[in-house]
Protein backbone atom coordinates (compact mmCIF):
# COMPACT_ATOMS: atom_id res chain seq x y z
CA MET A 1 0.00 0.00 0.00
CA ILE A 2 1.33 3.43 -1.00
CA ASP A 3 1.02 6.30 1.44
CA ALA A 4 1.16 9.46 -0.68
CA ARG A 5 2.01 11.47 2.42
CA VAL A 6 5.41 9.84 2.84
CA PRO A 7 7.23 12.02 0.24
CA VAL A 8 5.74 15.13 1.85
CA ARG A 9 6.89 14.08 5.32
CA ARG A 10 10.32 13.29 3.91
CA ILE A 11 10.79 16.69 2.28
CA SER A 12 9.48 18.45 5.38
CA SER A 13 11.90 16.64 7.69
CA ALA A 14 14.79 17.27 5.28
CA PHE A 15 14.49 21.04 5.65
CA THR A 16 17.43 22.84 7.20
CA SER A 17 18.21 26.51 7.62
CA SER A 18 20.86 26.21 4.90
CA CYS A 19 18.29 25.53 2.18
CA TYR A 20 17.88 28.24 -0.45
CA VAL A 21 14.65 27.03 -1.96
CA PRO A 22 11.10 27.56 -0.63
CA LEU A 23 10.18 24.04 0.47
CA ILE A 24 6.94 22.68 1.86
CA LYS A 25 6.86 22.67 5.64
CA CYS A 26 4.05 20.34 6.65
CA SER A 27 3.05 19.84 10.27
CA ASN A 28 2.03 16.32 11.26
CA ASP A 29 -0.98 17.90 13.00
CA TRP A 30 -2.45 18.76 9.60
CA TYR A 31 -2.90 15.09 8.69
CA ALA A 32 -5.56 14.53 11.36
CA THR A 33 -8.20 16.29 9.23
CA ASP A 34 -7.59 14.39 5.95
CA GLY A 35 -8.69 17.58 4.17
CA HIS A 36 -12.26 17.37 5.45
CA ALA A 37 -14.64 20.16 4.32
CA VAL A 38 -12.21 21.66 1.78
CA ARG A 39 -13.23 21.98 -1.87
CA VAL A 40 -10.39 21.43 -4.34
CA GLY A 41 -10.40 21.88 -8.10
CA LEU A 42 -8.17 19.99 -10.55
CA VAL A 43 -7.63 20.97 -14.19
CA ASP A 44 -6.24 17.86 -15.87
CA THR A 45 -6.92 14.96 -18.21
CA ASP A 46 -9.74 12.52 -17.58
CA PHE A 47 -9.03 9.72 -15.08
CA GLU A 48 -9.88 6.10 -14.33
CA VAL A 49 -13.20 6.47 -12.54
CA ARG A 50 -13.40 2.71 -11.88
CA HIS A 51 -10.16 2.46 -9.95
CA PRO A 52 -10.81 0.88 -6.53
CA ASP A 53 -9.01 3.70 -4.73
CA VAL A 54 -11.39 6.25 -6.26
CA VAL A 55 -14.40 4.37 -4.88
CA GLY A 56 -15.69 6.23 -1.84
CA ALA A 57 -13.94 9.49 -2.70
CA ASP A 58 -16.04 12.65 -2.99
CA ILE A 59 -15.39 13.50 -6.66
CA VAL A 60 -17.38 15.52 -9.18
CA ARG A 61 -16.15 15.37 -12.78
CA LYS A 62 -17.04 17.48 -15.80
CA THR A 63 -15.58 17.27 -19.29
CA PHE A 64 -14.70 20.34 -21.35
CA ALA A 65 -12.98 18.53 -24.22
CA GLU A 66 -14.05 15.79 -26.60
CA GLU A 67 -15.30 12.96 -24.39
CA HIS A 68 -13.27 9.96 -25.46
CA PHE A 69 -11.41 7.89 -22.88
CA GLU A 70 -7.75 7.51 -23.80
CA PRO A 71 -6.07 5.05 -21.38
CA GLU A 72 -2.52 6.22 -22.11
CA LEU A 73 -3.32 9.93 -21.95
CA ASN A 74 -5.47 9.61 -18.84
CA LYS A 75 -2.67 8.09 -16.81
CA HIS A 76 -1.77 11.70 -15.98
CA GLY A 77 -5.17 12.49 -14.44
CA THR A 78 -5.42 9.13 -12.66
CA HIS A 79 -2.05 9.72 -11.00
CA SER A 80 -3.18 13.21 -9.93
CA VAL A 81 -6.58 12.16 -8.59
CA THR A 82 -5.35 9.17 -6.61
CA THR A 83 -2.44 11.15 -5.16
CA ILE A 84 -4.94 13.64 -3.74
CA VAL A 85 -7.92 11.49 -2.72
CA GLY A 86 -6.87 7.83 -2.93
CA GLN A 87 -8.99 5.95 -0.40
CA GLY A 88 -6.54 3.17 0.41
CA ASN A 89 -8.88 0.46 -0.84
CA ARG A 90 -6.16 -1.29 -2.83
CA GLU A 91 -3.04 0.66 -3.87
CA ILE A 92 -2.83 4.15 -2.36
CA ARG A 93 -4.02 6.38 0.42
CA GLY A 94 -3.86 9.95 -0.84
CA ILE A 95 -2.60 13.05 0.90
CA ALA A 96 -6.05 14.52 1.55
CA PRO A 97 -8.55 11.68 1.06
CA GLN A 98 -11.53 13.56 2.55
CA VAL A 99 -11.47 16.66 0.35
CA GLN A 100 -14.28 17.36 -2.08
CA LEU A 101 -12.52 17.09 -5.44
CA PHE A 102 -13.90 18.72 -8.59
CA VAL A 103 -12.14 17.56 -11.74
CA ALA A 104 -12.32 19.63 -14.93
CA SER A 105 -11.22 17.34 -17.76
CA VAL A 106 -9.78 19.68 -20.40
CA VAL A 107 -7.36 17.60 -22.49
CA SER A 108 -8.50 16.29 -25.89
CA PRO A 109 -7.57 12.82 -27.26
CA SER A 110 -4.74 14.54 -29.17
CA GLY A 111 -3.10 15.42 -25.86
CA ILE A 112 -3.75 19.14 -26.30
CA ALA A 113 -5.65 21.30 -23.82
CA ASP A 114 -7.40 24.01 -25.82
CA PRO A 115 -7.19 27.37 -23.99
CA GLN A 116 -10.95 27.81 -24.20
CA ALA A 117 -11.48 24.39 -22.61
CA VAL A 118 -9.10 25.32 -19.79
CA SER A 119 -10.84 28.66 -19.34
CA ASP A 120 -14.26 27.01 -19.26
CA GLY A 121 -12.99 24.42 -16.79
CA ILE A 122 -11.65 27.07 -14.43
CA ALA A 123 -14.91 29.02 -14.70
CA TRP A 124 -16.86 25.90 -13.70
CA LEU A 125 -14.56 25.26 -10.74
CA ILE A 126 -15.03 28.82 -9.53
CA GLU A 127 -18.80 28.33 -9.77
CA GLN A 128 -18.42 25.26 -7.51
CA GLU A 129 -16.85 27.58 -4.91
CA VAL A 130 -13.61 25.63 -4.69
CA GLN A 131 -11.00 27.15 -2.43
CA LEU A 132 -7.96 25.75 -4.24
CA ILE A 133 -7.28 24.92 -7.88
CA ALA A 134 -4.38 22.80 -9.16
CA MET A 135 -3.29 23.32 -12.78
CA PRO A 136 -0.69 20.61 -13.50
CA LEU A 137 -0.34 21.62 -17.14
CA GLY A 138 0.96 24.53 -19.19
CA GLY A 139 2.03 25.88 -22.52
CA SER A 140 4.22 28.51 -24.12
CA SER A 141 1.42 30.87 -25.16
CA GLN A 142 -0.52 33.18 -22.91
CA SER A 143 -4.33 33.05 -23.12
CA ALA A 144 -6.45 36.08 -22.36
CA ALA A 145 -9.43 33.83 -21.54
CA ILE A 146 -7.44 31.86 -18.96
CA GLU A 147 -5.93 35.02 -17.51
CA ASP A 148 -9.42 36.50 -17.10
CA GLN A 149 -10.66 33.44 -15.21
CA ILE A 150 -7.63 33.41 -12.91
CA ARG A 151 -8.21 37.08 -12.15
CA ARG A 152 -11.90 36.41 -11.52
CA GLY A 153 -11.08 33.50 -9.23
CA THR A 154 -8.50 35.33 -7.15
CA GLU A 155 -10.90 38.24 -6.68
CA THR A 156 -13.38 35.85 -5.08
CA GLY A 157 -10.76 34.11 -2.91
CA THR A 158 -9.74 31.08 -4.95
CA ILE A 159 -6.03 30.20 -4.73
CA PHE A 160 -4.34 28.77 -7.83
CA PHE A 161 -1.36 26.39 -7.96
CA ALA A 162 0.32 26.02 -11.36
CA ALA A 163 3.04 23.68 -12.64
CA ARG A 164 6.24 25.63 -13.22
CA GLY A 165 7.74 23.56 -16.05
CA THR A 166 10.76 21.27 -15.98
CA CYS A 167 13.12 22.56 -18.64
CA TRP A 168 15.83 24.42 -16.72
CA SER A 169 16.77 26.69 -19.63
CA ASP A 170 13.23 27.86 -20.40
CA LYS A 171 10.92 30.36 -18.76
CA ALA A 172 7.95 29.17 -16.76
CA VAL A 173 5.01 27.90 -18.74
CA TYR A 174 1.58 29.48 -18.67
CA PRO A 175 -0.44 29.75 -16.52
CA ALA A 176 2.41 29.54 -13.96
CA MET A 177 3.78 32.80 -15.40
CA ASN A 178 0.69 34.56 -14.09
CA PRO A 179 1.72 36.34 -10.86
CA ARG A 180 -1.68 35.54 -9.33
CA THR A 181 -0.78 31.84 -9.25
CA ILE A 182 1.52 29.95 -6.89
CA SER A 183 4.24 28.72 -9.25
CA VAL A 184 5.36 25.22 -8.18
CA GLY A 185 8.58 23.42 -9.09
CA PRO A 186 9.66 19.84 -8.30
CA SER A 187 12.26 18.67 -5.81
CA ASP A 188 14.33 15.53 -5.90
CA ASP A 189 13.96 12.94 -3.17
CA ALA A 190 16.45 14.80 -0.96
CA GLY A 191 14.48 18.05 -1.00
CA ASN A 192 16.70 19.86 -3.50
CA LEU A 193 15.28 21.66 -6.51
CA TRP A 194 15.25 19.14 -9.36
CA PHE A 195 18.11 19.91 -11.72
CA GLU A 196 15.79 20.16 -14.74
CA ALA A 197 13.35 22.51 -13.03
CA SER A 198 12.64 25.87 -14.62
CA ARG A 199 13.71 28.80 -12.42
CA ILE A 200 13.14 31.89 -14.58
CA PRO A 201 11.61 34.31 -13.72
CA ARG A 202 9.66 33.17 -10.65
CA LEU A 203 9.36 30.13 -8.41
CA ASP A 204 7.13 30.35 -5.35
CA LEU A 205 7.33 26.85 -3.94
CA ILE A 206 8.94 23.46 -4.46
CA ALA A 207 7.32 20.16 -3.55
CA PRO A 208 8.14 16.47 -4.00
CA GLY A 209 8.31 15.79 -7.72
CA TRP A 210 10.73 12.95 -8.26
CA ASN A 211 9.58 9.33 -8.77
CA VAL A 212 6.29 9.77 -6.93
CA ALA A 213 4.35 6.50 -7.15
CA ALA A 214 0.57 6.31 -7.69
CA PRO A 215 -1.89 4.33 -9.81
CA VAL A 216 -2.09 5.29 -13.49
CA THR A 217 -4.60 2.63 -14.59
CA ARG A 218 -6.85 0.17 -12.78
CA THR A 219 -4.04 -2.40 -12.72
CA THR A 220 -0.84 -0.36 -12.90
CA VAL A 221 1.16 1.77 -10.50
CA ALA A 222 3.86 4.03 -11.91
CA GLU A 223 6.35 6.62 -10.73
CA ARG A 224 6.02 10.07 -12.25
CA SER A 225 8.29 13.09 -11.97
CA GLY A 226 8.08 16.79 -12.73
CA SER A 227 6.33 20.00 -11.84
CA SER A 228 2.86 18.56 -12.56
CA VAL A 229 3.33 16.05 -9.73
CA ALA A 230 4.69 18.78 -7.45
CA CYS A 231 1.70 21.01 -8.25
CA VAL A 232 -0.76 18.26 -7.30
CA ILE A 233 1.06 17.47 -4.05
CA SER A 234 1.16 21.18 -3.16
CA VAL A 235 -2.57 21.66 -3.52
CA ALA A 236 -3.25 18.55 -1.43
CA VAL A 237 -0.98 19.82 1.37
CA ALA A 238 -2.66 23.23 1.17
CA ALA A 239 -6.02 21.46 1.59
CA LEU A 240 -4.73 19.80 4.76
CA PHE A 241 -3.70 23.18 6.10
CA LEU A 242 -7.05 24.82 5.32
CA SER A 243 -8.93 21.93 6.90
CA TYR A 244 -6.75 22.07 10.02
CA ALA A 245 -6.96 25.87 10.28
CA GLY A 246 -10.68 25.99 9.59
CA ALA A 247 -11.87 25.38 6.07
CA PHE A 248 -14.20 28.37 5.89
CA ARG A 249 -11.85 30.96 7.31
CA PRO A 250 -10.74 33.41 4.60
CA CYS A 251 -7.17 32.76 3.51
CA SER A 252 -5.10 34.80 1.07
CA LYS A 253 -2.50 33.43 -1.32
CA THR A 254 0.23 35.11 0.72
CA THR A 255 -0.99 33.66 4.03
CA LEU A 256 -1.36 30.17 2.60
CA LEU A 257 2.01 30.25 0.89
CA ARG A 258 3.71 31.46 4.06
CA SER A 259 2.11 28.60 5.98
CA ILE A 260 3.43 25.86 3.70
CA ARG A 261 6.84 27.34 2.90
CA ALA A 262 9.87 26.51 4.96
CA SER A 263 12.05 29.31 3.59
CA LYS A 264 11.58 32.76 2.12
CA GLY A 265 14.96 32.66 0.40
CA ARG A 266 15.34 33.05 -3.35
CA PRO A 267 16.03 29.83 -5.27
CA GLN A 268 19.62 29.25 -6.25
CA GLU A 269 20.43 29.69 -9.91
CA ARG A 270 22.27 26.41 -10.20
CA ALA A 271 21.69 22.77 -11.01
CA CYS A 272 20.90 20.84 -7.85
CA ARG A 273 22.16 17.35 -7.24
CA LEU A 274 19.97 14.30 -7.60
């Protein structure tokens, strides 16, 4: 049985005052709530709704792309969903198994997420009054429609986490370039910023993102790495914090980020060891 919380505990305990990257700092007290009463949004591919570890989870799904199940493509969404809300029925117990998870499926069978589909998905999540939204995807082009929805969401109190990108020589992908989002990069298993992680021009947080195991189909578990994984883990940890602190208490992006960061230092502009 996989406990998705183990990588988070490991990175939290690995923190020292000599670190130069803003790591997650997760208190063990947060785990007692399991994310109860927090509403989380996920913008991703579709996922395996029949996986045993999804059974019993509080999930609402809506599709904003062509509805056609693609087993290979949907491994991404299945990994994300089970990492957050896996019920421990067979393979995995997720980080925040009691959250209310709203999944906006926005990726077409071609593997492309049309900006309008992403925008529509975010709009739907805002209508569901989610407190947190994870966006473990990105592209090189800015979209006015997506930007408008992020602005609308932040004005009503929604906090956005976006995958930073994993090519060290490139700028952050959109929507992580949007300053209203929390831009998340991946760490290695020792808590160092992954050597391939993008650093330019902004990086708000790093989270476990190296060989994180979770189900990807009904019968397969796989390890995945990168900023998408780190983004999903970050939003799940944030849900634990909100549930522990009081799910309905107003919380700003700055307050939440300060609560789950272990350092306010600027990330080092260097390749970190694996």
